[in-house]
Amino acid sequence: MHPEIVVMELLAVADVPGKKLKAATVRDADRQYKIVTNAKNVLEEKVGKKIVVARPGAEVPGLDEPVKKANVGGVLSEGMLVDAKMLWGGSAGTAIFLDDDYEVGAAPPASKPRPKEATSEVAPAGEGLFAKKLTKEEKKAKAKADREARKARKAGGGGAAEAEAADDADDAATVDAAA
């Protein structure tokens, strides 16, 4: 891989007036560059991410000449964003964004990196999607127990025995549902 193809940090993205182009400001370890691109995945939300750039003089696979500064859409472009097809033979037309653990100014990886494994927490069994569905009879019994419990509470707690009976009925419906 050519030494002028490096990992940079995306600092800013702005639309080029009147064109379907974007002006991306990027930086390597030494300085900032303005790159004009039509890559659809270069968005303001990605500012701060690592991106692969070919600086002027870079020999990019698939191009006949080395990259040079050029006026693109009325804006001076000081290089070009590199897509997967140029480096690894993947899809064309989208800029390569890398994980944060790649160093600014370093060479990009020789092969397409695998995405980091995502971790997620799983809800405990018996809750959410994995809860047992109630049968019609169980639903009716639970609804009846809930109504009786509400009536008992509305009546002002009409006695500890009634409240306990309502709680027992509510618990029984829950136990039946879990079985």
Protein backbone atom coordinates (compact mmCIF):
# COMPACT_ATOMS: atom_id res chain seq x y z
CA MET A 1 0.00 0.00 0.00
CA HIS A 2 1.24 3.46 -0.86
CA PRO A 3 2.55 5.51 2.11
CA GLU A 4 0.35 8.50 1.15
CA ILE A 5 -2.81 6.49 1.89
CA VAL A 6 -3.39 7.12 5.59
CA VAL A 7 -5.93 7.12 8.41
CA MET A 8 -7.21 10.62 9.21
CA GLU A 9 -9.79 12.14 11.53
CA LEU A 10 -12.93 13.70 10.03
CA LEU A 11 -13.20 17.22 11.48
CA ALA A 12 -16.08 18.79 9.52
CA VAL A 13 -18.49 18.20 6.64
CA ALA A 14 -20.16 20.92 4.56
CA ASP A 15 -22.27 20.86 1.41
CA VAL A 16 -20.75 22.38 -1.73
CA PRO A 17 -23.32 24.99 -2.83
CA GLY A 18 -25.21 24.04 -5.99
CA LYS A 19 -23.56 20.62 -6.28
CA LYS A 20 -24.20 17.09 -5.02
CA LEU A 21 -20.81 17.21 -3.35
CA LYS A 22 -19.50 17.61 0.18
CA ALA A 23 -16.34 19.29 1.41
CA ALA A 24 -14.80 17.24 4.21
CA THR A 25 -12.12 18.67 6.46
CA VAL A 26 -9.76 15.96 7.70
CA ARG A 27 -6.47 15.90 9.58
CA ASP A 28 -3.48 13.62 9.76
CA ALA A 29 -0.73 13.87 12.38
CA ASP A 30 0.72 17.02 10.75
CA ARG A 31 -1.97 19.16 9.14
CA GLN A 32 -5.53 19.58 7.89
CA TYR A 33 -6.78 18.86 4.37
CA LYS A 34 -9.99 19.74 2.54
CA ILE A 35 -11.32 16.86 0.44
CA VAL A 36 -14.28 17.18 -1.95
CA THR A 37 -16.35 14.00 -2.27
CA ASN A 38 -19.66 12.60 -3.45
CA ALA A 39 -19.57 9.69 -0.97
CA LYS A 40 -23.04 9.46 0.54
CA ASN A 41 -21.84 8.08 3.89
CA VAL A 42 -19.78 11.19 4.73
CA LEU A 43 -22.15 12.91 7.13
CA GLU A 44 -21.94 15.50 9.91
CA GLU A 45 -22.84 12.77 12.44
CA LYS A 46 -19.53 11.06 11.63
CA VAL A 47 -17.33 14.01 12.62
CA GLY A 48 -14.64 12.70 14.96
CA LYS A 49 -14.47 9.26 13.28
CA LYS A 50 -11.41 7.84 11.54
CA ILE A 51 -11.48 7.81 7.72
CA VAL A 52 -9.04 6.59 5.02
CA VAL A 53 -7.63 9.32 2.76
CA ALA A 54 -5.24 9.36 -0.21
CA ARG A 55 -3.03 12.45 0.04
CA PRO A 56 -1.58 14.10 -3.08
CA GLY A 57 1.00 11.79 -4.67
CA ALA A 58 -0.69 8.58 -3.55
CA GLU A 59 -0.86 5.78 -6.09
CA VAL A 60 -4.31 4.29 -5.65
CA PRO A 61 -5.22 0.91 -7.18
CA GLY A 62 -7.67 1.42 -10.03
CA LEU A 63 -6.50 4.95 -10.90
CA ASP A 64 -4.26 5.65 -13.87
CA GLU A 65 -2.44 8.59 -12.27
CA PRO A 66 -1.34 9.48 -8.75
CA VAL A 67 -3.75 11.58 -6.69
CA LYS A 68 -3.18 15.31 -7.03
CA LYS A 69 -4.81 18.53 -5.86
CA ALA A 70 -7.73 19.42 -8.11
CA ASN A 71 -10.57 21.91 -8.36
CA VAL A 72 -13.76 19.88 -7.85
CA GLY A 73 -17.11 21.66 -7.99
CA GLY A 74 -15.38 25.00 -7.57
CA VAL A 75 -13.56 23.90 -4.40
CA LEU A 76 -9.88 22.91 -4.12
CA SER A 77 -9.64 19.24 -3.10
CA GLU A 78 -6.32 18.24 -1.51
CA GLY A 79 -6.65 14.49 -2.02
CA MET A 80 -9.44 11.94 -2.09
CA LEU A 81 -11.37 9.66 0.22
CA VAL A 82 -10.62 6.00 -0.38
CA ASP A 83 -13.36 3.39 -0.78
CA ALA A 84 -13.23 -0.34 -0.06
CA LYS A 85 -12.90 -1.27 -3.74
CA MET A 86 -9.63 0.66 -3.98
CA LEU A 87 -8.06 -1.07 -0.98
CA TRP A 88 -9.67 -4.48 -0.58
CA GLY A 89 -11.88 -5.10 -3.61
CA GLY A 90 -15.16 -4.36 -1.81
CA SER A 91 -17.94 -1.95 -2.68
CA ALA A 92 -17.25 1.33 -4.43
CA GLY A 93 -18.54 4.82 -3.74
CA THR A 94 -18.53 4.85 0.06
CA ALA A 95 -15.75 6.22 2.22
CA ILE A 96 -13.97 3.82 4.59
CA PHE A 97 -14.59 4.60 8.25
CA LEU A 98 -12.49 2.74 10.83
CA ASP A 99 -12.81 2.07 14.56
CA ASP A 100 -11.30 4.60 16.95
CA ASP A 101 -8.37 2.32 17.79
CA TYR A 102 -6.63 3.16 14.47
CA GLU A 103 -4.05 5.93 14.86
CA VAL A 104 -4.29 9.17 12.89
CA GLY A 105 -1.47 9.27 10.31
CA ALA A 106 -0.99 5.48 10.30
CA ALA A 107 -1.45 3.22 7.30
CA PRO A 108 -4.92 1.66 6.97
CA PRO A 109 -5.28 -2.08 7.59
CA ALA A 110 -4.10 -4.38 4.77
CA SER A 111 -7.41 -6.28 4.84
CA LYS A 112 -10.93 -5.22 5.66
CA PRO A 113 -11.27 -5.16 9.46
CA ARG A 114 -14.09 -7.06 11.10
CA PRO A 115 -16.52 -4.96 13.12
CA LYS A 116 -16.10 -5.20 16.85
CA GLU A 117 -18.50 -7.61 18.49
CA ALA A 118 -21.54 -5.87 19.88
CA THR A 119 -22.54 -6.70 23.41
CA SER A 120 -26.05 -6.35 24.68
CA GLU A 121 -27.81 -7.16 27.87
CA VAL A 122 -30.53 -9.79 27.77
CA ALA A 123 -33.71 -9.47 29.78
CA PRO A 124 -34.11 -12.14 32.46
CA ALA A 125 -36.19 -15.16 31.45
CA GLY A 126 -39.88 -14.84 32.26
CA GLU A 127 -40.01 -11.13 31.45
CA GLY A 128 -40.71 -9.26 28.26
CA LEU A 129 -40.72 -11.41 25.12
CA PHE A 130 -40.19 -14.65 27.00
CA ALA A 131 -43.15 -14.38 29.37
CA LYS A 132 -45.69 -17.20 29.07
CA LYS A 133 -48.87 -16.14 27.32
CA LEU A 134 -52.00 -16.53 29.40
CA THR A 135 -54.91 -18.68 28.22
CA LYS A 136 -58.37 -17.13 27.96
CA GLU A 137 -59.40 -18.64 31.28
CA GLU A 138 -56.23 -17.40 33.00
CA LYS A 139 -56.79 -13.89 31.61
CA LYS A 140 -60.39 -13.87 32.89
CA ALA A 141 -59.32 -15.11 36.35
CA LYS A 142 -56.56 -12.49 36.52
CA ALA A 143 -58.89 -9.68 35.41
CA LYS A 144 -61.49 -10.76 38.03
CA ALA A 145 -58.83 -10.87 40.77
CA ASP A 146 -57.52 -7.43 39.71
CA ARG A 147 -61.06 -5.95 39.81
CA GLU A 148 -61.70 -7.38 43.28
CA ALA A 149 -58.37 -6.05 44.52
CA ARG A 150 -59.17 -2.56 43.17
CA LYS A 151 -62.65 -2.63 44.76
CA ALA A 152 -61.13 -3.59 48.09
CA ARG A 153 -58.59 -0.75 47.88
CA LYS A 154 -61.28 1.78 46.85
CA ALA A 155 -63.48 0.74 49.75
CA GLY A 156 -60.82 2.18 51.99
CA GLY A 157 -59.04 -1.00 52.79
CA GLY A 158 -62.25 -2.39 54.41
CA GLY A 159 -60.14 -4.67 56.57
CA ALA A 160 -56.87 -6.50 56.44
CA ALA A 161 -58.56 -9.82 55.67
CA GLU A 162 -60.15 -8.50 52.45
CA ALA A 163 -56.90 -6.90 51.27
CA GLU A 164 -55.03 -10.13 52.01
CA ALA A 165 -57.65 -12.15 50.10
CA ALA A 166 -57.27 -9.81 47.10
CA ASP A 167 -53.49 -10.15 47.22
CA ASP A 168 -53.81 -13.96 47.45
CA ALA A 169 -56.13 -13.99 44.42
CA ASP A 170 -53.67 -11.80 42.50
CA ASP A 171 -50.78 -14.10 43.47
CA ALA A 172 -52.79 -17.19 42.51
CA ALA A 173 -53.48 -15.77 39.04
CA THR A 174 -49.79 -15.01 38.61
CA VAL A 175 -48.77 -18.52 39.75
CA ASP A 176 -51.35 -20.07 37.39
CA ALA A 177 -49.99 -17.97 34.53
CA ALA A 178 -46.42 -19.05 35.21
CA ALA A 179 -47.32 -22.75 35.33
